Amino acid sequence: NHGGRQLDRAPIPFHLLPQVVREVG
């Protein structure tokens, strides 16, 4: 999320990681 420098309250990349890896890894 660009180090939090763009959209505040953006998704947390580390929380997205397991699902994204499972689907497209």
mmCIF file of all heavy atoms, coordinates in Angstrom:
data_MODEL
# 
_entry.id   MODEL 
# 
loop_
_atom_site.group_PDB 
_atom_site.id 
_atom_site.type_symbol 
_atom_site.label_atom_id 
_atom_site.label_alt_id 
_atom_site.label_comp_id 
_atom_site.label_asym_id 
_atom_site.label_entity_id 
_atom_site.label_seq_id 
_atom_site.pdbx_PDB_ins_code 
_atom_site.Cartn_x 
_atom_site.Cartn_y 
_atom_site.Cartn_z 
_atom_site.occupancy 
_atom_site.B_iso_or_equiv 
_atom_site.pdbx_formal_charge 
_atom_site.auth_seq_id 
_atom_site.auth_comp_id 
_atom_site.auth_asym_id 
_atom_site.auth_atom_id 
_atom_site.pdbx_PDB_model_num 
ATOM 1   N N   . ASN A 1 1  ? 0.834  -1.192  0.000  1.00 0.00 ? 1  ASN A N   1 
ATOM 2   C CA  . ASN A 1 1  ? 0.000  0.000   0.000  1.00 0.00 ? 1  ASN A CA  1 
ATOM 3   C C   . ASN A 1 1  ? 0.879  1.257   0.000  1.00 0.00 ? 1  ASN A C   1 
ATOM 4   O O   . ASN A 1 1  ? 0.519  2.293   0.516  1.00 0.00 ? 1  ASN A O   1 
ATOM 5   C CB  . ASN A 1 1  ? -1.013 0.004   1.154  1.00 0.00 ? 1  ASN A CB  1 
ATOM 6   C CG  . ASN A 1 1  ? -0.369 0.041   2.529  1.00 0.00 ? 1  ASN A CG  1 
ATOM 7   O OD1 . ASN A 1 1  ? 0.712  0.604   2.722  1.00 0.00 ? 1  ASN A OD1 1 
ATOM 8   N ND2 . ASN A 1 1  ? -1.036 -0.541  3.517  1.00 0.00 ? 1  ASN A ND2 1 
ATOM 9   N N   . HIS A 1 2  ? 2.045  1.124   -0.616 1.00 0.00 ? 2  HIS A N   1 
ATOM 10  C CA  . HIS A 1 2  ? 2.982  2.228   -0.818 1.00 0.00 ? 2  HIS A CA  1 
ATOM 11  C C   . HIS A 1 2  ? 3.502  2.762   0.511  1.00 0.00 ? 2  HIS A C   1 
ATOM 12  O O   . HIS A 1 2  ? 3.705  3.965   0.687  1.00 0.00 ? 2  HIS A O   1 
ATOM 13  C CB  . HIS A 1 2  ? 2.307  3.362   -1.606 1.00 0.00 ? 2  HIS A CB  1 
ATOM 14  C CG  . HIS A 1 2  ? 3.244  4.110   -2.505 1.00 0.00 ? 2  HIS A CG  1 
ATOM 15  N ND1 . HIS A 1 2  ? 3.355  3.854   -3.841 1.00 0.00 ? 2  HIS A ND1 1 
ATOM 16  C CD2 . HIS A 1 2  ? 4.122  5.113   -2.253 1.00 0.00 ? 2  HIS A CD2 1 
ATOM 17  C CE1 . HIS A 1 2  ? 4.255  4.676   -4.381 1.00 0.00 ? 2  HIS A CE1 1 
ATOM 18  N NE2 . HIS A 1 2  ? 4.739  5.443   -3.426 1.00 0.00 ? 2  HIS A NE2 1 
ATOM 19  N N   . GLY A 1 3  ? 3.718  1.860   1.437  1.00 0.00 ? 3  GLY A N   1 
ATOM 20  C CA  . GLY A 1 3  ? 4.216  2.290   2.740  1.00 0.00 ? 3  GLY A CA  1 
ATOM 21  C C   . GLY A 1 3  ? 3.246  3.183   3.484  1.00 0.00 ? 3  GLY A C   1 
ATOM 22  O O   . GLY A 1 3  ? 3.655  3.994   4.328  1.00 0.00 ? 3  GLY A O   1 
ATOM 23  N N   . GLY A 1 4  ? 1.948  3.031   3.181  1.00 0.00 ? 4  GLY A N   1 
ATOM 24  C CA  . GLY A 1 4  ? 0.945  3.874   3.832  1.00 0.00 ? 4  GLY A CA  1 
ATOM 25  C C   . GLY A 1 4  ? 0.914  5.294   3.317  1.00 0.00 ? 4  GLY A C   1 
ATOM 26  O O   . GLY A 1 4  ? 0.250  6.145   3.917  1.00 0.00 ? 4  GLY A O   1 
ATOM 27  N N   . ARG A 1 5  ? 1.578  5.570   2.190  1.00 0.00 ? 5  ARG A N   1 
ATOM 28  C CA  . ARG A 1 5  ? 1.740  6.948   1.728  1.00 0.00 ? 5  ARG A CA  1 
ATOM 29  C C   . ARG A 1 5  ? 0.689  7.386   0.704  1.00 0.00 ? 5  ARG A C   1 
ATOM 30  O O   . ARG A 1 5  ? 0.735  8.513   0.219  1.00 0.00 ? 5  ARG A O   1 
ATOM 31  C CB  . ARG A 1 5  ? 3.142  7.103   1.131  1.00 0.00 ? 5  ARG A CB  1 
ATOM 32  C CG  . ARG A 1 5  ? 4.236  6.902   2.159  1.00 0.00 ? 5  ARG A CG  1 
ATOM 33  C CD  . ARG A 1 5  ? 5.586  6.654   1.522  1.00 0.00 ? 5  ARG A CD  1 
ATOM 34  N NE  . ARG A 1 5  ? 6.183  7.843   0.956  1.00 0.00 ? 5  ARG A NE  1 
ATOM 35  C CZ  . ARG A 1 5  ? 6.851  8.770   1.653  1.00 0.00 ? 5  ARG A CZ  1 
ATOM 36  N NH1 . ARG A 1 5  ? 6.988  8.626   2.965  1.00 0.00 ? 5  ARG A NH1 1 
ATOM 37  N NH2 . ARG A 1 5  ? 7.385  9.810   1.059  1.00 0.00 ? 5  ARG A NH2 1 
ATOM 38  N N   . GLN A 1 6  ? -0.237 6.499   0.350  1.00 0.00 ? 6  GLN A N   1 
ATOM 39  C CA  . GLN A 1 6  ? -1.254 6.845   -0.626 1.00 0.00 ? 6  GLN A CA  1 
ATOM 40  C C   . GLN A 1 6  ? -2.633 6.909   0.032  1.00 0.00 ? 6  GLN A C   1 
ATOM 41  O O   . GLN A 1 6  ? -3.036 7.940   0.521  1.00 0.00 ? 6  GLN A O   1 
ATOM 42  C CB  . GLN A 1 6  ? -1.200 5.844   -1.784 1.00 0.00 ? 6  GLN A CB  1 
ATOM 43  C CG  . GLN A 1 6  ? -0.034 6.072   -2.732 1.00 0.00 ? 6  GLN A CG  1 
ATOM 44  C CD  . GLN A 1 6  ? -0.090 7.434   -3.367 1.00 0.00 ? 6  GLN A CD  1 
ATOM 45  O OE1 . GLN A 1 6  ? 0.689  8.330   -3.025 1.00 0.00 ? 6  GLN A OE1 1 
ATOM 46  N NE2 . GLN A 1 6  ? -1.023 7.635   -4.286 1.00 0.00 ? 6  GLN A NE2 1 
ATOM 47  N N   . LEU A 1 7  ? -3.357 5.792   0.029  1.00 0.00 ? 7  LEU A N   1 
ATOM 48  C CA  . LEU A 1 7  ? -4.694 5.748   0.623  1.00 0.00 ? 7  LEU A CA  1 
ATOM 49  C C   . LEU A 1 7  ? -4.585 5.350   2.086  1.00 0.00 ? 7  LEU A C   1 
ATOM 50  O O   . LEU A 1 7  ? -4.124 4.249   2.395  1.00 0.00 ? 7  LEU A O   1 
ATOM 51  C CB  . LEU A 1 7  ? -5.563 4.737   -0.135 1.00 0.00 ? 7  LEU A CB  1 
ATOM 52  C CG  . LEU A 1 7  ? -6.967 4.488   0.430  1.00 0.00 ? 7  LEU A CG  1 
ATOM 53  C CD1 . LEU A 1 7  ? -7.820 5.746   0.299  1.00 0.00 ? 7  LEU A CD1 1 
ATOM 54  C CD2 . LEU A 1 7  ? -7.623 3.306   -0.276 1.00 0.00 ? 7  LEU A CD2 1 
ATOM 55  N N   . ASP A 1 8  ? -4.995 6.245   2.977  1.00 0.00 ? 8  ASP A N   1 
ATOM 56  C CA  . ASP A 1 8  ? -4.991 5.861   4.390  1.00 0.00 ? 8  ASP A CA  1 
ATOM 57  C C   . ASP A 1 8  ? -6.134 4.876   4.629  1.00 0.00 ? 8  ASP A C   1 
ATOM 58  O O   . ASP A 1 8  ? -7.167 4.911   3.965  1.00 0.00 ? 8  ASP A O   1 
ATOM 59  C CB  . ASP A 1 8  ? -5.144 7.098   5.275  1.00 0.00 ? 8  ASP A CB  1 
ATOM 60  C CG  . ASP A 1 8  ? -4.508 6.912   6.645  1.00 0.00 ? 8  ASP A CG  1 
ATOM 61  O OD1 . ASP A 1 8  ? -3.818 5.889   6.836  1.00 0.00 ? 8  ASP A OD1 1 
ATOM 62  O OD2 . ASP A 1 8  ? -4.674 7.791   7.515  1.00 0.00 ? 8  ASP A OD2 1 
ATOM 63  N N   . ARG A 1 9  ? -5.930 3.990   5.594  1.00 0.00 ? 9  ARG A N   1 
ATOM 64  C CA  . ARG A 1 9  ? -6.841 2.875   5.877  1.00 0.00 ? 9  ARG A CA  1 
ATOM 65  C C   . ARG A 1 9  ? -6.887 1.877   4.719  1.00 0.00 ? 9  ARG A C   1 
ATOM 66  O O   . ARG A 1 9  ? -7.890 1.200   4.505  1.00 0.00 ? 9  ARG A O   1 
ATOM 67  C CB  . ARG A 1 9  ? -8.253 3.368   6.209  1.00 0.00 ? 9  ARG A CB  1 
ATOM 68  C CG  . ARG A 1 9  ? -8.334 4.269   7.438  1.00 0.00 ? 9  ARG A CG  1 
ATOM 69  C CD  . ARG A 1 9  ? -9.755 4.777   7.651  1.00 0.00 ? 9  ARG A CD  1 
ATOM 70  N NE  . ARG A 1 9  ? -9.876 5.564   8.846  1.00 0.00 ? 9  ARG A NE  1 
ATOM 71  C CZ  . ARG A 1 9  ? -9.575 6.868   8.927  1.00 0.00 ? 9  ARG A CZ  1 
ATOM 72  N NH1 . ARG A 1 9  ? -9.128 7.511   7.844  1.00 0.00 ? 9  ARG A NH1 1 
ATOM 73  N NH2 . ARG A 1 9  ? -9.716 7.532   10.064 1.00 0.00 ? 9  ARG A NH2 1 
ATOM 74  N N   . ALA A 1 10 ? -5.809 1.782   3.968  1.00 0.00 ? 10 ALA A N   1 
ATOM 75  C CA  . ALA A 1 10 ? -5.719 0.809   2.880  1.00 0.00 ? 10 ALA A CA  1 
ATOM 76  C C   . ALA A 1 10 ? -5.558 -0.597  3.442  1.00 0.00 ? 10 ALA A C   1 
ATOM 77  O O   . ALA A 1 10 ? -5.233 -0.783  4.616  1.00 0.00 ? 10 ALA A O   1 
ATOM 78  C CB  . ALA A 1 10 ? -4.532 1.151   1.981  1.00 0.00 ? 10 ALA A CB  1 
ATOM 79  N N   . PRO A 1 11 ? -5.774 -1.635  2.630  1.00 0.00 ? 11 PRO A N   1 
ATOM 80  C CA  . PRO A 1 11 ? -5.574 -3.014  3.100  1.00 0.00 ? 11 PRO A CA  1 
ATOM 81  C C   . PRO A 1 11 ? -4.151 -3.225  3.599  1.00 0.00 ? 11 PRO A C   1 
ATOM 82  O O   . PRO A 1 11 ? -3.204 -2.594  3.134  1.00 0.00 ? 11 PRO A O   1 
ATOM 83  C CB  . PRO A 1 11 ? -5.855 -3.866  1.852  1.00 0.00 ? 11 PRO A CB  1 
ATOM 84  C CG  . PRO A 1 11 ? -6.738 -3.017  1.010  1.00 0.00 ? 11 PRO A CG  1 
ATOM 85  C CD  . PRO A 1 11 ? -6.281 -1.604  1.244  1.00 0.00 ? 11 PRO A CD  1 
ATOM 86  N N   . ILE A 1 12 ? -4.003 -4.144  4.531  1.00 0.00 ? 12 ILE A N   1 
ATOM 87  C CA  . ILE A 1 12 ? -2.701 -4.472  5.104  1.00 0.00 ? 12 ILE A CA  1 
ATOM 88  C C   . ILE A 1 12 ? -2.067 -5.568  4.251  1.00 0.00 ? 12 ILE A C   1 
ATOM 89  O O   . ILE A 1 12 ? -2.588 -6.689  4.184  1.00 0.00 ? 12 ILE A O   1 
ATOM 90  C CB  . ILE A 1 12 ? -2.857 -4.942  6.561  1.00 0.00 ? 12 ILE A CB  1 
ATOM 91  C CG1 . ILE A 1 12 ? -3.493 -3.834  7.409  1.00 0.00 ? 12 ILE A CG1 1 
ATOM 92  C CG2 . ILE A 1 12 ? -1.506 -5.371  7.139  1.00 0.00 ? 12 ILE A CG2 1 
ATOM 93  C CD1 . ILE A 1 12 ? -3.952 -4.299  8.781  1.00 0.00 ? 12 ILE A CD1 1 
ATOM 94  N N   . PRO A 1 13 ? -0.962 -5.300  3.571  1.00 0.00 ? 13 PRO A N   1 
ATOM 95  C CA  . PRO A 1 13 ? -0.373 -6.303  2.673  1.00 0.00 ? 13 PRO A CA  1 
ATOM 96  C C   . PRO A 1 13 ? -0.092 -7.643  3.346  1.00 0.00 ? 13 PRO A C   1 
ATOM 97  O O   . PRO A 1 13 ? -0.352 -8.702  2.757  1.00 0.00 ? 13 PRO A O   1 
ATOM 98  C CB  . PRO A 1 13 ? 0.917  -5.621  2.196  1.00 0.00 ? 13 PRO A CB  1 
ATOM 99  C CG  . PRO A 1 13 ? 0.612  -4.159  2.275  1.00 0.00 ? 13 PRO A CG  1 
ATOM 100 C CD  . PRO A 1 13 ? -0.249 -4.016  3.485  1.00 0.00 ? 13 PRO A CD  1 
ATOM 101 N N   . PHE A 1 14 ? 0.422  -7.631  4.560  1.00 0.00 ? 14 PHE A N   1 
ATOM 102 C CA  . PHE A 1 14 ? 0.759  -8.878  5.246  1.00 0.00 ? 14 PHE A CA  1 
ATOM 103 C C   . PHE A 1 14 ? -0.489 -9.711  5.515  1.00 0.00 ? 14 PHE A C   1 
ATOM 104 O O   . PHE A 1 14 ? -0.432 -10.938 5.521  1.00 0.00 ? 14 PHE A O   1 
ATOM 105 C CB  . PHE A 1 14 ? 1.492  -8.561  6.545  1.00 0.00 ? 14 PHE A CB  1 
ATOM 106 C CG  . PHE A 1 14 ? 1.999  -9.772  7.282  1.00 0.00 ? 14 PHE A CG  1 
ATOM 107 C CD1 . PHE A 1 14 ? 2.922  -10.623 6.698  1.00 0.00 ? 14 PHE A CD1 1 
ATOM 108 C CD2 . PHE A 1 14 ? 1.566  -10.055 8.572  1.00 0.00 ? 14 PHE A CD2 1 
ATOM 109 C CE1 . PHE A 1 14 ? 3.401  -11.742 7.377  1.00 0.00 ? 14 PHE A CE1 1 
ATOM 110 C CE2 . PHE A 1 14 ? 2.039  -11.162 9.265  1.00 0.00 ? 14 PHE A CE2 1 
ATOM 111 C CZ  . PHE A 1 14 ? 2.958  -12.007 8.663  1.00 0.00 ? 14 PHE A CZ  1 
ATOM 112 N N   . HIS A 1 15 ? -1.640 -9.069  5.739  1.00 0.00 ? 15 HIS A N   1 
ATOM 113 C CA  . HIS A 1 15 ? -2.875 -9.813  5.931  1.00 0.00 ? 15 HIS A CA  1 
ATOM 114 C C   . HIS A 1 15 ? -3.386 -10.414 4.618  1.00 0.00 ? 15 HIS A C   1 
ATOM 115 O O   . HIS A 1 15 ? -4.000 -11.483 4.612  1.00 0.00 ? 15 HIS A O   1 
ATOM 116 C CB  . HIS A 1 15 ? -3.957 -8.898  6.517  1.00 0.00 ? 15 HIS A CB  1 
ATOM 117 C CG  . HIS A 1 15 ? -3.790 -8.630  7.980  1.00 0.00 ? 15 HIS A CG  1 
ATOM 118 N ND1 . HIS A 1 15 ? -4.608 -7.773  8.685  1.00 0.00 ? 15 HIS A ND1 1 
ATOM 119 C CD2 . HIS A 1 15 ? -2.881 -9.101  8.884  1.00 0.00 ? 15 HIS A CD2 1 
ATOM 120 C CE1 . HIS A 1 15 ? -4.217 -7.735  9.963  1.00 0.00 ? 15 HIS A CE1 1 
ATOM 121 N NE2 . HIS A 1 15 ? -3.180 -8.534  10.097 1.00 0.00 ? 15 HIS A NE2 1 
ATOM 122 N N   . LEU A 1 16 ? -3.141 -9.723  3.505  1.00 0.00 ? 16 LEU A N   1 
ATOM 123 C CA  . LEU A 1 16 ? -3.563 -10.234 2.197  1.00 0.00 ? 16 LEU A CA  1 
ATOM 124 C C   . LEU A 1 16 ? -2.732 -11.428 1.738  1.00 0.00 ? 16 LEU A C   1 
ATOM 125 O O   . LEU A 1 16 ? -3.181 -12.234 0.926  1.00 0.00 ? 16 LEU A O   1 
ATOM 126 C CB  . LEU A 1 16 ? -3.435 -9.124  1.143  1.00 0.00 ? 16 LEU A CB  1 
ATOM 127 C CG  . LEU A 1 16 ? -4.436 -7.981  1.174  1.00 0.00 ? 16 LEU A CG  1 
ATOM 128 C CD1 . LEU A 1 16 ? -4.018 -6.914  0.178  1.00 0.00 ? 16 LEU A CD1 1 
ATOM 129 C CD2 . LEU A 1 16 ? -5.837 -8.487  0.859  1.00 0.00 ? 16 LEU A CD2 1 
ATOM 130 N N   . LEU A 1 17 ? -1.513 -11.511 2.227  1.00 0.00 ? 17 LEU A N   1 
ATOM 131 C CA  . LEU A 1 17 ? -0.522 -12.444 1.691  1.00 0.00 ? 17 LEU A CA  1 
ATOM 132 C C   . LEU A 1 17 ? -0.998 -13.898 1.610  1.00 0.00 ? 17 LEU A C   1 
ATOM 133 O O   . LEU A 1 17 ? -0.897 -14.510 0.531  1.00 0.00 ? 17 LEU A O   1 
ATOM 134 C CB  . LEU A 1 17 ? 0.766  -12.332 2.511  1.00 0.00 ? 17 LEU A CB  1 
ATOM 135 C CG  . LEU A 1 17 ? 1.929  -13.228 2.110  1.00 0.00 ? 17 LEU A CG  1 
ATOM 136 C CD1 . LEU A 1 17 ? 2.376  -12.928 0.682  1.00 0.00 ? 17 LEU A CD1 1 
ATOM 137 C CD2 . LEU A 1 17 ? 3.098  -13.032 3.084  1.00 0.00 ? 17 LEU A CD2 1 
ATOM 138 N N   . PRO A 1 18 ? -1.509 -14.511 2.680  1.00 0.00 ? 18 PRO A N   1 
ATOM 139 C CA  . PRO A 1 18 ? -1.857 -15.938 2.591  1.00 0.00 ? 18 PRO A CA  1 
ATOM 140 C C   . PRO A 1 18 ? -2.894 -16.234 1.507  1.00 0.00 ? 18 PRO A C   1 
ATOM 141 O O   . PRO A 1 18 ? -2.758 -17.201 0.751  1.00 0.00 ? 18 PRO A O   1 
ATOM 142 C CB  . PRO A 1 18 ? -2.396 -16.266 3.992  1.00 0.00 ? 18 PRO A CB  1 
ATOM 143 C CG  . PRO A 1 18 ? -1.786 -15.239 4.879  1.00 0.00 ? 18 PRO A CG  1 
ATOM 144 C CD  . PRO A 1 18 ? -1.709 -13.996 4.055  1.00 0.00 ? 18 PRO A CD  1 
ATOM 145 N N   . GLN A 1 19 ? -3.921 -15.393 1.413  1.00 0.00 ? 19 GLN A N   1 
ATOM 146 C CA  . GLN A 1 19 ? -4.972 -15.620 0.430  1.00 0.00 ? 19 GLN A CA  1 
ATOM 147 C C   . GLN A 1 19 ? -4.449 -15.460 -0.992 1.00 0.00 ? 19 GLN A C   1 
ATOM 148 O O   . GLN A 1 19 ? -4.746 -16.277 -1.876 1.00 0.00 ? 19 GLN A O   1 
ATOM 149 C CB  . GLN A 1 19 ? -6.128 -14.638 0.670  1.00 0.00 ? 19 GLN A CB  1 
ATOM 150 C CG  . GLN A 1 19 ? -7.273 -14.798 -0.319 1.00 0.00 ? 19 GLN A CG  1 
ATOM 151 C CD  . GLN A 1 19 ? -8.309 -13.700 -0.184 1.00 0.00 ? 19 GLN A CD  1 
ATOM 152 O OE1 . GLN A 1 19 ? -7.997 -12.599 0.253  1.00 0.00 ? 19 GLN A OE1 1 
ATOM 153 N NE2 . GLN A 1 19 ? -9.550 -13.997 -0.552 1.00 0.00 ? 19 GLN A NE2 1 
ATOM 154 N N   . VAL A 1 20 ? -3.655 -14.419 -1.238 1.00 0.00 ? 20 VAL A N   1 
ATOM 155 C CA  . VAL A 1 20 ? -3.142 -14.184 -2.582 1.00 0.00 ? 20 VAL A CA  1 
ATOM 156 C C   . VAL A 1 20 ? -2.190 -15.310 -2.994 1.00 0.00 ? 20 VAL A C   1 
ATOM 157 O O   . VAL A 1 20 ? -2.243 -15.800 -4.124 1.00 0.00 ? 20 VAL A O   1 
ATOM 158 C CB  . VAL A 1 20 ? -2.451 -12.807 -2.659 1.00 0.00 ? 20 VAL A CB  1 
ATOM 159 C CG1 . VAL A 1 20 ? -1.735 -12.637 -4.000 1.00 0.00 ? 20 VAL A CG1 1 
ATOM 160 C CG2 . VAL A 1 20 ? -3.470 -11.694 -2.454 1.00 0.00 ? 20 VAL A CG2 1 
ATOM 161 N N   . VAL A 1 21 ? -1.321 -15.730 -2.086 1.00 0.00 ? 21 VAL A N   1 
ATOM 162 C CA  . VAL A 1 21 ? -0.409 -16.832 -2.399 1.00 0.00 ? 21 VAL A CA  1 
ATOM 163 C C   . VAL A 1 21 ? -1.185 -18.105 -2.699 1.00 0.00 ? 21 VAL A C   1 
ATOM 164 O O   . VAL A 1 21 ? -0.869 -18.846 -3.639 1.00 0.00 ? 21 VAL A O   1 
ATOM 165 C CB  . VAL A 1 21 ? 0.581  -17.055 -1.237 1.00 0.00 ? 21 VAL A CB  1 
ATOM 166 C CG1 . VAL A 1 21 ? 1.360  -18.354 -1.424 1.00 0.00 ? 21 VAL A CG1 1 
ATOM 167 C CG2 . VAL A 1 21 ? 1.546  -15.886 -1.124 1.00 0.00 ? 21 VAL A CG2 1 
ATOM 168 N N   . ARG A 1 22 ? -2.208 -18.367 -1.927 1.00 0.00 ? 22 ARG A N   1 
ATOM 169 C CA  . ARG A 1 22 ? -3.014 -19.577 -2.136 1.00 0.00 ? 22 ARG A CA  1 
ATOM 170 C C   . ARG A 1 22 ? -3.678 -19.576 -3.517 1.00 0.00 ? 22 ARG A C   1 
ATOM 171 O O   . ARG A 1 22 ? -3.753 -20.612 -4.188 1.00 0.00 ? 22 ARG A O   1 
ATOM 172 C CB  . ARG A 1 22 ? -4.075 -19.673 -1.038 1.00 0.00 ? 22 ARG A CB  1 
ATOM 173 C CG  . ARG A 1 22 ? -4.898 -20.961 -1.060 1.00 0.00 ? 22 ARG A CG  1 
ATOM 174 C CD  . ARG A 1 22 ? -5.690 -21.126 0.223  1.00 0.00 ? 22 ARG A CD  1 
ATOM 175 N NE  . ARG A 1 22 ? -6.609 -20.022 0.466  1.00 0.00 ? 22 ARG A NE  1 
ATOM 176 C CZ  . ARG A 1 22 ? -6.461 -19.142 1.459  1.00 0.00 ? 22 ARG A CZ  1 
ATOM 177 N NH1 . ARG A 1 22 ? -5.438 -19.217 2.284  1.00 0.00 ? 22 ARG A NH1 1 
ATOM 178 N NH2 . ARG A 1 22 ? -7.346 -18.179 1.637  1.00 0.00 ? 22 ARG A NH2 1 
ATOM 179 N N   . GLU A 1 23 ? -4.113 -18.411 -3.979 1.00 0.00 ? 23 GLU A N   1 
ATOM 180 C CA  . GLU A 1 23 ? -4.860 -18.334 -5.225 1.00 0.00 ? 23 GLU A CA  1 
ATOM 181 C C   . GLU A 1 23 ? -3.971 -18.191 -6.462 1.00 0.00 ? 23 GLU A C   1 
ATOM 182 O O   . GLU A 1 23 ? -4.306 -18.719 -7.529 1.00 0.00 ? 23 GLU A O   1 
ATOM 183 C CB  . GLU A 1 23 ? -5.845 -17.153 -5.163 1.00 0.00 ? 23 GLU A CB  1 
ATOM 184 C CG  . GLU A 1 23 ? -6.926 -17.289 -4.115 1.00 0.00 ? 23 GLU A CG  1 
ATOM 185 C CD  . GLU A 1 23 ? -7.933 -18.372 -4.461 1.00 0.00 ? 23 GLU A CD  1 
ATOM 186 O OE1 . GLU A 1 23 ? -8.132 -18.640 -5.656 1.00 0.00 ? 23 GLU A OE1 1 
ATOM 187 O OE2 . GLU A 1 23 ? -8.526 -18.955 -3.527 1.00 0.00 ? 23 GLU A OE2 1 
ATOM 188 N N   . VAL A 1 24 ? -2.872 -17.448 -6.356 1.00 0.00 ? 24 VAL A N   1 
ATOM 189 C CA  . VAL A 1 24 ? -2.085 -17.164 -7.568 1.00 0.00 ? 24 VAL A CA  1 
ATOM 190 C C   . VAL A 1 24 ? -0.603 -17.507 -7.416 1.00 0.00 ? 24 VAL A C   1 
ATOM 191 O O   . VAL A 1 24 ? 0.159  -17.357 -8.369 1.00 0.00 ? 24 VAL A O   1 
ATOM 192 C CB  . VAL A 1 24 ? -2.218 -15.676 -7.992 1.00 0.00 ? 24 VAL A CB  1 
ATOM 193 C CG1 . VAL A 1 24 ? -3.671 -15.279 -8.157 1.00 0.00 ? 24 VAL A CG1 1 
ATOM 194 C CG2 . VAL A 1 24 ? -1.506 -14.744 -7.001 1.00 0.00 ? 24 VAL A CG2 1 
ATOM 195 N N   . GLY A 1 25 ? -0.185 -17.962 -6.232 1.00 0.00 ? 25 GLY A N   1 
ATOM 196 C CA  . GLY A 1 25 ? 1.235  -18.195 -5.993 1.00 0.00 ? 25 GLY A CA  1 
ATOM 197 C C   . GLY A 1 25 ? 1.864  -19.263 -6.871 1.00 0.00 ? 25 GLY A C   1 
ATOM 198 O O   . GLY A 1 25 ? 3.075  -19.252 -7.080 1.00 0.00 ? 25 GLY A O   1 
# 
